[in-house]
Amino acid sequence: MSCWKKEQLENMLEDVINELHLSDSAIAEFGANGTPPAQIVRMVLQQKDDIIRNLRAGMISITYP
């Protein structure tokens, strides 16, 4: 049994999601689809890993306005 209350766990999870700095479009998409927060975290971490891997391989990141 957990020593945390449901509200405390929900607040902690919300804090984690907020720290991911998701775009408004991502929040709208994932919120509307009811995507589990753990899946969102895994996806964001995978994207970060891909970016790091590409930078280490000498690739540069190009962003368009």
Protein backbone atom coordinates (compact mmCIF):
# COMPACT_ATOMS: atom_id res chain seq x y z
CA MET A 1 0.00 0.00 0.00
CA SER A 2 1.27 3.44 -0.90
CA CYS A 3 1.91 6.11 1.69
CA TRP A 4 0.78 8.74 -0.84
CA LYS A 5 -2.80 9.88 -1.27
CA LYS A 6 -4.42 9.79 -4.71
CA GLU A 7 -4.44 13.58 -4.98
CA GLN A 8 -0.74 13.76 -4.14
CA LEU A 9 0.12 11.20 -6.82
CA GLU A 10 -1.98 13.04 -9.39
CA ASN A 11 -0.21 16.31 -8.52
CA MET A 12 3.21 14.68 -8.86
CA LEU A 13 2.27 13.23 -12.23
CA GLU A 14 0.96 16.59 -13.40
CA ASP A 15 4.26 18.19 -12.33
CA VAL A 16 6.20 15.65 -14.42
CA ILE A 17 4.03 16.30 -17.48
CA ASN A 18 4.42 20.07 -17.04
CA GLU A 19 8.22 19.73 -16.91
CA LEU A 20 8.20 18.08 -20.34
CA HIS A 21 7.24 21.44 -21.88
CA LEU A 22 4.86 19.92 -24.42
CA SER A 23 3.57 22.17 -27.15
CA ASP A 24 -0.05 23.29 -27.10
CA SER A 25 -0.79 21.08 -30.10
CA ALA A 26 0.72 18.04 -28.35
CA ILE A 27 -1.31 18.73 -25.21
CA ALA A 28 -4.47 19.07 -27.29
CA GLU A 29 -3.73 15.83 -29.18
CA PHE A 30 -2.72 13.70 -26.22
CA GLY A 31 -5.34 15.11 -23.89
CA ALA A 32 -8.14 14.53 -26.38
CA ASN A 33 -6.94 10.97 -27.05
CA GLY A 34 -6.62 10.20 -23.36
CA THR A 35 -3.01 9.10 -23.80
CA PRO A 36 -1.61 7.69 -20.56
CA PRO A 37 1.00 10.03 -19.01
CA ALA A 38 3.60 7.24 -18.87
CA GLN A 39 3.33 6.82 -22.64
CA ILE A 40 3.82 10.56 -23.16
CA VAL A 41 6.93 10.53 -20.95
CA ARG A 42 8.37 7.53 -22.84
CA MET A 43 7.75 9.25 -26.17
CA VAL A 44 9.40 12.50 -25.10
CA LEU A 45 12.42 10.68 -23.65
CA GLN A 46 12.79 8.66 -26.87
CA GLN A 47 12.76 11.88 -28.91
CA LYS A 48 15.45 13.37 -26.66
CA ASP A 49 17.54 10.19 -27.02
CA ASP A 50 17.20 10.38 -30.81
CA ILE A 51 18.33 14.01 -30.83
CA ILE A 52 21.36 13.22 -28.67
CA ARG A 53 22.26 10.20 -30.82
CA ASN A 54 22.07 12.31 -33.99
CA LEU A 55 24.17 15.11 -32.51
CA ARG A 56 26.84 12.63 -31.40
CA ALA A 57 26.87 11.23 -34.93
CA GLY A 58 27.73 14.69 -36.23
CA MET A 59 24.31 15.60 -37.55
CA ILE A 60 23.05 19.11 -36.99
CA SER A 61 19.56 20.14 -35.99
CA ILE A 62 17.80 22.43 -38.44
CA THR A 63 14.58 24.07 -37.39
CA TYR A 64 12.33 26.14 -39.55
CA PRO A 65 10.31 29.09 -38.24
